[in-house]
Amino acid sequence: MVNIDIICFSHLRWNFVFQRPQHLLSRFARNCRVFYVEEPVFNAVDNHLKITIDDANSVCIIVPNLKPGLEEEEIMMVQQSLLDNMLTEMQIHKYLLWYYSPMALGFTDHLKPELIIYDCMDELSAFKFAPPLLVLREQKLLQKADVVFTGGPSLYEAKKNLHNNIYLFPSSIDKAHFNRARSPLAEPVDQASIPHPRIGFYGVLDERLDIGMLKELATLRPDWQFILVGPVVKIDEGELPQKSNIHYLGNKRYNELPNYLSGWDIAMMPFALNESTRYISPTKTPEYLAGGKPVISTPIKDVIMPYEENGLVHIAATPALFVAAAEAILTKAGYDEWLANVDRFLSGISWDQTWQNMETCIEKAIENKQNSNLKAHNYV
């Protein structure tokens, strides 16, 4: 895309966990200016935008710093004013609006972009502490959007009849990054002393984690070590089970993850089965596989299909089934054949390919919109 900027509105902090928005927008930033607008923080004496550049990805990160105590209507008005000023000061004239958070419509509905994109990566309304207005805002965004992307098959099935230009773009991988985990890597200091066998997870620890299963697994097999890498969000840390064979190592940078993964014997996805996980399509599934690690997951629909149905992942609905699957994996029987199947499955998957396919969809949508506007103008 030439001579066009992208303004993205997201509920996720750019520097929090490196996932779908970062993978995609850092690639778009190779060819155009990308402005990543986060949700506000309320710590300012005077309302302003804090603007920084992620030098590694050339993305401009925008954080509204607002005065505390503002009413909801004031918050929207201030963000709208700050955003309008930014467009003028940054000389942003021709642009796309890219939404991860429908809530941003509250201060962007007046803008006149070339195109509106909704990348629906999660069913946010099912998450803990979701704003009551979210469902209505998403309905409006689906009416306004020119093109919609979804982050997994279940989400696509739920949304496909709500828009006439919607595409499925499931979780992808940076294979070269995670392939490194197949070879011995420098052991992180906080993991080096933990004995084997190690069963690991990285990701956000929140309401999607099956705390009860984790506790029972650690009880059933006290000789196994369960390692969890990632920040604790929206749940009380005191709710997490505390056992000598459960290790919480905290949040890590994206470039550190292969070093942790390399030292595990098994990767796990102990997700709870609730509303917040009904539509998830975990990016870590192909990442674990690219790292050469056998995976055990609870029965998440987008993990069962396609991964379990292709013999790539073990599904365990109960702690007893999890233990049985892990015991079979630890024998290493059939590992080489399994890994060959993994590589065949992953051969056509990459964030570069996803980005290129998305760009094609966007360019087609721009062309269709321009042609439609031209026809309407000629008709008048």
Protein backbone atom coordinates (compact mmCIF):
# COMPACT_ATOMS: atom_id res chain seq x y z
CA MET A 1 0.00 0.00 0.00
CA VAL A 2 1.53 3.28 -1.13
CA ASN A 3 0.96 6.76 0.32
CA ILE A 4 -1.52 5.59 2.91
CA ASP A 5 -1.18 5.42 6.71
CA ILE A 6 -2.70 2.98 9.19
CA ILE A 7 -4.17 4.17 12.48
CA CYS A 8 -4.85 1.22 14.77
CA PHE A 9 -6.95 1.29 17.95
CA SER A 10 -6.24 -1.53 20.38
CA HIS A 11 -7.12 -2.69 23.88
CA LEU A 12 -3.65 -4.27 24.13
CA ARG A 13 -0.49 -2.42 25.10
CA TRP A 14 2.12 -2.62 22.37
CA ASN A 15 4.86 -3.53 24.86
CA PHE A 16 2.79 -6.03 26.84
CA VAL A 17 2.80 -9.41 25.08
CA PHE A 18 4.03 -9.71 21.49
CA GLN A 19 1.12 -11.27 19.60
CA ARG A 20 -1.16 -10.86 16.58
CA PRO A 21 -1.31 -7.02 16.43
CA GLN A 22 2.45 -6.67 16.79
CA HIS A 23 3.20 -9.37 14.21
CA LEU A 24 0.89 -7.86 11.61
CA LEU A 25 1.36 -4.14 12.13
CA SER A 26 5.15 -4.34 12.32
CA ARG A 27 5.00 -5.90 8.86
CA PHE A 28 2.66 -3.24 7.50
CA ALA A 29 5.09 -0.66 8.92
CA ARG A 30 7.68 -1.81 6.39
CA ASN A 31 5.73 -0.02 3.66
CA CYS A 32 3.63 2.64 5.37
CA ARG A 33 3.34 4.68 8.53
CA VAL A 34 1.58 2.84 11.36
CA PHE A 35 0.13 4.65 14.40
CA TYR A 36 -0.84 2.33 17.25
CA VAL A 37 -3.30 4.04 19.61
CA GLU A 38 -3.65 2.43 23.02
CA GLU A 39 -6.32 2.92 25.66
CA PRO A 40 -5.80 5.95 27.93
CA VAL A 41 -3.97 6.08 31.24
CA PHE A 42 -5.22 8.51 33.87
CA ASN A 43 -2.12 10.05 35.40
CA ALA A 44 -1.74 13.47 33.79
CA VAL A 45 -1.89 17.03 35.03
CA ASP A 46 -2.78 18.13 31.50
CA ASN A 47 -4.39 15.93 28.85
CA HIS A 48 -1.87 14.96 26.17
CA LEU A 49 -0.67 12.16 23.94
CA LYS A 50 2.53 10.35 24.82
CA ILE A 51 4.16 9.42 21.52
CA THR A 52 7.06 6.99 21.20
CA ILE A 53 8.60 5.06 18.32
CA ASP A 54 9.31 1.34 18.54
CA ASP A 55 12.64 1.48 16.73
CA ALA A 56 12.69 -2.28 16.13
CA ASN A 57 9.40 -2.19 14.23
CA SER A 58 9.05 1.46 13.12
CA VAL A 59 5.60 1.67 14.74
CA CYS A 60 4.47 4.94 16.35
CA ILE A 61 2.88 4.16 19.73
CA ILE A 62 0.26 6.65 20.95
CA VAL A 63 -0.90 6.62 24.59
CA PRO A 64 -3.53 9.19 25.70
CA ASN A 65 -2.44 10.53 29.10
CA LEU A 66 -5.57 11.99 30.66
CA LYS A 67 -6.46 13.73 33.89
CA PRO A 68 -8.02 11.44 36.50
CA GLY A 69 -11.66 11.84 37.44
CA LEU A 70 -13.07 12.51 33.97
CA GLU A 71 -16.59 11.34 33.16
CA GLU A 72 -17.04 8.86 30.29
CA GLU A 73 -18.34 11.51 27.89
CA GLU A 74 -15.40 13.78 28.70
CA ILE A 75 -12.95 10.92 28.11
CA MET A 76 -14.37 10.41 24.62
CA MET A 77 -14.36 14.14 23.81
CA VAL A 78 -10.77 14.63 24.99
CA GLN A 79 -9.50 11.63 23.04
CA GLN A 80 -11.29 12.86 19.93
CA SER A 81 -9.72 16.29 20.24
CA LEU A 82 -6.23 14.88 20.87
CA LEU A 83 -6.58 12.51 17.93
CA ASP A 84 -7.72 15.28 15.58
CA ASN A 85 -4.72 17.38 16.60
CA MET A 86 -2.41 14.43 16.01
CA LEU A 87 -3.73 13.94 12.48
CA THR A 88 -2.95 17.59 11.73
CA GLU A 89 0.46 17.65 13.39
CA MET A 90 1.58 14.32 11.87
CA GLN A 91 0.17 15.35 8.45
CA ILE A 92 -1.99 12.23 8.31
CA HIS A 93 -4.29 12.86 5.36
CA LYS A 94 -4.93 9.53 3.64
CA TYR A 95 -5.35 6.70 6.10
CA LEU A 96 -7.01 3.43 7.07
CA LEU A 97 -8.62 2.83 10.45
CA TRP A 98 -7.75 -0.57 11.90
CA TYR A 99 -9.73 -1.66 14.96
CA TYR A 100 -9.00 -4.30 17.55
CA SER A 101 -11.18 -2.53 20.09
CA PRO A 102 -14.73 -1.57 19.03
CA MET A 103 -14.81 0.75 22.06
CA ALA A 104 -12.63 3.20 20.12
CA LEU A 105 -15.65 4.08 17.97
CA GLY A 106 -16.66 6.35 20.82
CA PHE A 107 -14.07 8.94 19.72
CA THR A 108 -13.36 8.00 16.08
CA ASP A 109 -16.81 7.78 14.53
CA HIS A 110 -16.40 11.21 12.93
CA LEU A 111 -13.26 10.32 10.94
CA LYS A 112 -13.25 9.88 7.15
CA PRO A 113 -10.76 7.09 6.35
CA GLU A 114 -10.14 5.44 3.01
CA LEU A 115 -11.16 2.15 4.60
CA ILE A 116 -12.28 0.69 7.93
CA ILE A 117 -10.81 -2.66 8.99
CA TYR A 118 -11.96 -4.73 11.95
CA ASP A 119 -9.48 -7.45 12.93
CA CYS A 120 -11.59 -9.46 15.34
CA MET A 121 -8.97 -11.51 17.17
CA ASP A 122 -11.10 -12.39 20.23
CA GLU A 123 -14.69 -12.33 21.47
CA LEU A 124 -13.87 -9.48 23.83
CA SER A 125 -17.38 -9.26 25.27
CA ALA A 126 -16.81 -12.67 26.92
CA PHE A 127 -13.67 -11.52 28.75
CA LYS A 128 -13.57 -10.54 32.39
CA PHE A 129 -14.32 -6.82 33.04
CA ALA A 130 -15.58 -6.26 29.47
CA PRO A 131 -17.34 -2.86 29.17
CA PRO A 132 -21.15 -3.13 29.00
CA LEU A 133 -21.17 -1.04 25.80
CA LEU A 134 -18.86 -3.43 23.96
CA VAL A 135 -21.55 -5.53 22.26
CA LEU A 136 -23.36 -2.46 20.88
CA ARG A 137 -20.09 -0.88 19.74
CA GLU A 138 -19.10 -4.04 17.93
CA GLN A 139 -22.46 -4.18 16.18
CA LYS A 140 -21.91 -0.64 14.95
CA LEU A 141 -18.33 -1.40 13.90
CA LEU A 142 -19.51 -4.39 11.87
CA GLN A 143 -21.96 -2.07 10.08
CA LYS A 144 -19.26 0.51 9.33
CA ALA A 145 -16.32 -1.79 8.49
CA ASP A 146 -15.34 -2.32 4.86
CA VAL A 147 -13.47 -5.53 5.60
CA VAL A 148 -13.42 -7.87 8.62
CA PHE A 149 -10.74 -10.38 9.61
CA THR A 150 -11.23 -13.06 12.26
CA GLY A 151 -8.55 -14.73 14.34
CA GLY A 152 -9.82 -18.31 14.32
CA PRO A 153 -12.35 -20.73 12.79
CA SER A 154 -14.80 -20.60 15.72
CA LEU A 155 -14.84 -16.81 15.66
CA TYR A 156 -15.30 -16.83 11.89
CA GLU A 157 -18.31 -19.13 12.19
CA ALA A 158 -19.82 -16.84 14.82
CA LYS A 159 -19.31 -13.66 12.75
CA LYS A 160 -19.52 -14.79 9.11
CA ASN A 161 -23.18 -13.89 8.67
CA LEU A 162 -22.73 -10.46 10.23
CA HIS A 163 -20.67 -8.98 7.38
CA ASN A 164 -20.48 -9.45 3.62
CA ASN A 165 -16.70 -9.07 3.33
CA ILE A 166 -15.21 -11.22 6.07
CA TYR A 167 -12.10 -13.42 5.99
CA LEU A 168 -10.62 -16.09 8.24
CA PHE A 169 -6.98 -15.47 9.17
CA PRO A 170 -6.07 -17.91 11.97
CA SER A 171 -3.09 -17.71 14.26
CA SER A 172 0.22 -17.90 12.46
CA ILE A 173 3.89 -18.24 13.37
CA ASP A 174 7.34 -16.83 12.96
CA LYS A 175 8.84 -20.26 12.29
CA ALA A 176 12.48 -19.18 12.25
CA HIS A 177 12.05 -17.62 15.70
CA PHE A 178 10.55 -20.70 17.35
CA ASN A 179 12.48 -23.32 15.36
CA ARG A 180 15.47 -22.22 17.46
CA ALA A 181 13.90 -24.07 20.40
CA ARG A 182 14.61 -27.39 18.69
CA SER A 183 18.28 -26.99 19.53
CA PRO A 184 19.77 -26.57 23.00
CA LEU A 185 19.80 -22.86 23.87
CA ALA A 186 21.26 -20.90 26.75
CA GLU A 187 19.19 -21.86 29.77
CA PRO A 188 17.48 -18.88 31.44
CA VAL A 189 18.77 -18.39 34.97
CA ASP A 190 15.33 -18.72 36.60
CA GLN A 191 14.66 -22.02 34.81
CA ALA A 192 18.11 -23.62 34.90
CA SER A 193 17.77 -25.21 38.34
CA ILE A 194 14.32 -26.68 37.78
CA PRO A 195 14.50 -30.47 37.37
CA HIS A 196 13.00 -32.51 34.53
CA PRO A 197 10.51 -33.50 33.31
CA ARG A 198 9.33 -29.95 32.66
CA ILE A 199 5.86 -29.15 31.37
CA GLY A 200 5.58 -25.51 30.36
CA PHE A 201 3.16 -22.78 29.36
CA TYR A 202 3.76 -19.21 28.25
CA GLY A 203 1.04 -16.62 27.90
CA VAL A 204 -1.17 -14.35 29.95
CA LEU A 205 -2.35 -15.92 33.21
CA ASP A 206 -5.96 -14.77 33.52
CA GLU A 207 -9.52 -16.10 33.75
CA ARG A 208 -8.81 -18.45 30.83
CA LEU A 209 -6.41 -20.56 32.93
CA ASP A 210 -7.85 -23.74 34.49
CA ILE A 211 -6.47 -23.22 37.98
CA GLY A 212 -8.14 -26.34 39.33
CA MET A 213 -6.59 -28.58 36.69
CA LEU A 214 -3.14 -27.10 37.26
CA LYS A 215 -3.38 -27.74 41.00
CA GLU A 216 -4.56 -31.33 40.54
CA LEU A 217 -1.84 -32.09 37.97
CA ALA A 218 0.83 -30.88 40.38
CA THR A 219 -0.71 -33.05 43.10
CA LEU A 220 -1.00 -36.16 40.91
CA ARG A 221 2.60 -35.95 39.73
CA PRO A 222 4.77 -34.19 42.31
CA ASP A 223 7.86 -35.43 40.41
CA TRP A 224 6.89 -33.35 37.35
CA GLN A 225 7.65 -29.64 37.18
CA PHE A 226 5.03 -27.21 35.85
CA ILE A 227 6.45 -23.93 34.53
CA LEU A 228 4.28 -20.92 33.73
CA VAL A 229 5.80 -17.93 31.96
CA GLY A 230 3.72 -14.78 31.65
CA PRO A 231 2.04 -11.90 33.46
CA VAL A 232 -0.89 -12.35 35.87
CA VAL A 233 -3.83 -10.23 34.68
CA LYS A 234 -7.43 -9.75 35.92
CA ILE A 235 -7.14 -12.45 38.57
CA ASP A 236 -5.70 -12.33 42.06
CA GLU A 237 -2.23 -13.88 42.23
CA GLY A 238 -3.36 -15.45 45.50
CA GLU A 239 -5.79 -17.61 43.51
CA LEU A 240 -2.94 -19.38 41.72
CA PRO A 241 -2.04 -22.77 43.23
CA GLN A 242 1.16 -22.71 45.25
CA LYS A 243 3.10 -25.97 45.18
CA SER A 244 6.79 -26.78 45.16
CA ASN A 245 6.55 -28.18 41.61
CA ILE A 246 4.68 -25.19 40.15
CA HIS A 247 6.97 -22.36 39.05
CA TYR A 248 5.70 -18.89 38.07
CA LEU A 249 8.52 -17.15 36.23
CA GLY A 250 6.76 -13.89 35.32
CA ASN A 251 6.55 -12.01 32.05
CA LYS A 252 9.33 -12.41 29.48
CA ARG A 253 10.22 -10.67 26.24
CA TYR A 254 9.23 -12.28 22.96
CA ASN A 255 12.86 -12.92 22.01
CA GLU A 256 13.35 -14.89 25.26
CA LEU A 257 10.53 -17.37 24.69
CA PRO A 258 12.50 -19.88 22.56
CA ASN A 259 15.08 -20.18 25.35
CA TYR A 260 12.37 -21.21 27.81
CA LEU A 261 10.60 -23.46 25.32
CA SER A 262 13.85 -25.21 24.42
CA GLY A 263 14.22 -26.47 27.98
CA TRP A 264 10.76 -28.01 28.27
CA ASP A 265 9.83 -31.64 27.66
CA ILE A 266 6.16 -30.89 26.95
CA ALA A 267 4.19 -27.71 26.25
CA MET A 268 0.75 -27.39 27.81
CA MET A 269 -2.37 -25.30 27.26
CA PRO A 270 -4.47 -25.82 30.40
CA PHE A 271 -7.33 -23.54 29.37
CA ALA A 272 -10.56 -23.49 31.32
CA LEU A 273 -13.70 -24.26 29.34
CA ASN A 274 -15.79 -21.13 29.81
CA GLU A 275 -17.20 -18.19 27.86
CA SER A 276 -13.81 -16.49 27.67
CA THR A 277 -12.27 -19.50 25.87
CA ARG A 278 -15.22 -20.43 23.66
CA TYR A 279 -13.79 -18.72 20.57
CA ILE A 280 -10.05 -18.60 21.28
CA SER A 281 -7.53 -19.80 18.72
CA PRO A 282 -4.26 -19.83 20.67
CA THR A 283 -1.27 -18.47 18.75
CA LYS A 284 0.97 -20.54 20.99
CA THR A 285 -0.27 -23.80 19.43
CA PRO A 286 1.75 -23.48 16.20
CA GLU A 287 4.58 -21.76 18.11
CA TYR A 288 5.00 -24.73 20.45
CA LEU A 289 4.89 -27.09 17.47
CA ALA A 290 7.45 -25.04 15.54
CA GLY A 291 9.67 -25.38 18.60
CA GLY A 292 9.42 -29.15 18.31
CA LYS A 293 7.53 -29.59 21.58
CA PRO A 294 4.67 -32.07 21.99
CA VAL A 295 1.53 -30.25 23.16
CA ILE A 296 -1.25 -31.21 25.55
CA SER A 297 -4.34 -28.99 25.54
CA THR A 298 -7.74 -28.99 27.13
CA PRO A 299 -10.50 -29.45 24.50
CA ILE A 300 -10.50 -26.01 22.89
CA LYS A 301 -12.46 -26.19 19.63
CA ASP A 302 -9.84 -24.39 17.50
CA VAL A 303 -7.13 -26.69 18.87
CA ILE A 304 -9.11 -29.88 18.23
CA MET A 305 -9.60 -28.75 14.66
CA PRO A 306 -7.16 -28.71 12.93
CA TYR A 307 -4.35 -29.72 15.30
CA GLU A 308 -5.71 -32.74 17.18
CA GLU A 309 -7.55 -34.03 14.10
CA ASN A 310 -4.22 -34.05 12.26
CA GLY A 311 -2.50 -35.95 15.06
CA LEU A 312 -0.33 -33.00 16.10
CA VAL A 313 -1.67 -32.22 19.58
CA HIS A 314 -2.98 -34.30 22.49
CA ILE A 315 -6.34 -33.30 23.95
CA ALA A 316 -7.02 -33.93 27.65
CA ALA A 317 -10.30 -32.93 29.27
CA THR A 318 -9.31 -34.15 32.74
CA PRO A 319 -6.13 -34.26 34.83
CA ALA A 320 -6.06 -38.07 34.55
CA LEU A 321 -6.16 -37.89 30.73
CA PHE A 322 -3.46 -35.19 30.82
CA VAL A 323 -1.19 -37.41 32.92
CA ALA A 324 -1.75 -40.37 30.58
CA ALA A 325 -0.92 -38.24 27.53
CA ALA A 326 2.22 -36.85 29.18
CA GLU A 327 3.41 -40.30 30.19
CA ALA A 328 3.07 -41.47 26.58
CA ILE A 329 4.92 -38.39 25.27
CA LEU A 330 7.79 -38.83 27.71
CA THR A 331 8.58 -42.26 26.24
CA LYS A 332 9.49 -40.36 23.02
CA ALA A 333 7.94 -43.16 20.96
CA GLY A 334 7.12 -41.97 17.44
CA TYR A 335 8.63 -38.51 17.99
CA ASP A 336 10.48 -38.30 14.65
CA GLU A 337 7.39 -39.27 12.64
CA TRP A 338 5.27 -36.80 14.63
CA LEU A 339 7.77 -33.99 14.02
CA ALA A 340 7.79 -34.71 10.27
CA ASN A 341 3.99 -34.39 10.28
CA VAL A 342 4.28 -31.11 12.18
CA ASP A 343 6.68 -29.69 9.62
CA ARG A 344 4.43 -30.69 6.73
CA PHE A 345 1.46 -29.01 8.40
CA LEU A 346 3.36 -25.81 9.24
CA SER A 347 5.06 -25.51 5.85
CA GLY A 348 2.52 -23.05 4.42
CA ILE A 349 1.94 -21.01 7.57
CA SER A 350 3.73 -17.76 8.39
CA TRP A 351 2.94 -14.23 9.57
CA ASP A 352 4.56 -12.95 6.36
CA GLN A 353 2.04 -14.92 4.30
CA THR A 354 -0.87 -13.78 6.49
CA TRP A 355 0.25 -10.16 6.16
CA GLN A 356 0.53 -10.42 2.38
CA ASN A 357 -2.90 -12.04 2.09
CA MET A 358 -4.43 -9.36 4.31
CA GLU A 359 -2.83 -6.64 2.23
CA THR A 360 -4.37 -8.16 -0.89
CA CYS A 361 -7.81 -8.14 0.75
CA ILE A 362 -7.36 -4.52 1.82
CA GLU A 363 -6.23 -3.36 -1.62
CA LYS A 364 -9.21 -5.12 -3.20
CA ALA A 365 -11.59 -3.50 -0.69
CA ILE A 366 -10.11 -0.05 -1.42
CA GLU A 367 -10.52 -0.60 -5.15
CA ASN A 368 -14.12 -1.80 -4.74
CA LYS A 369 -14.98 1.16 -2.53
CA GLN A 370 -13.45 3.63 -4.99
CA ASN A 371 -15.35 2.03 -7.90
CA SER A 372 -18.59 2.10 -5.91
CA ASN A 373 -18.10 5.78 -5.06
CA LEU A 374 -17.31 6.57 -8.70
CA LYS A 375 -20.46 4.83 -9.91
CA ALA A 376 -22.55 6.67 -7.34
CA HIS A 377 -21.02 9.98 -8.38
CA ASN A 378 -21.64 9.30 -12.09
CA TYR A 379 -25.20 8.25 -11.37
CA VAL A 380 -25.87 11.53 -9.58
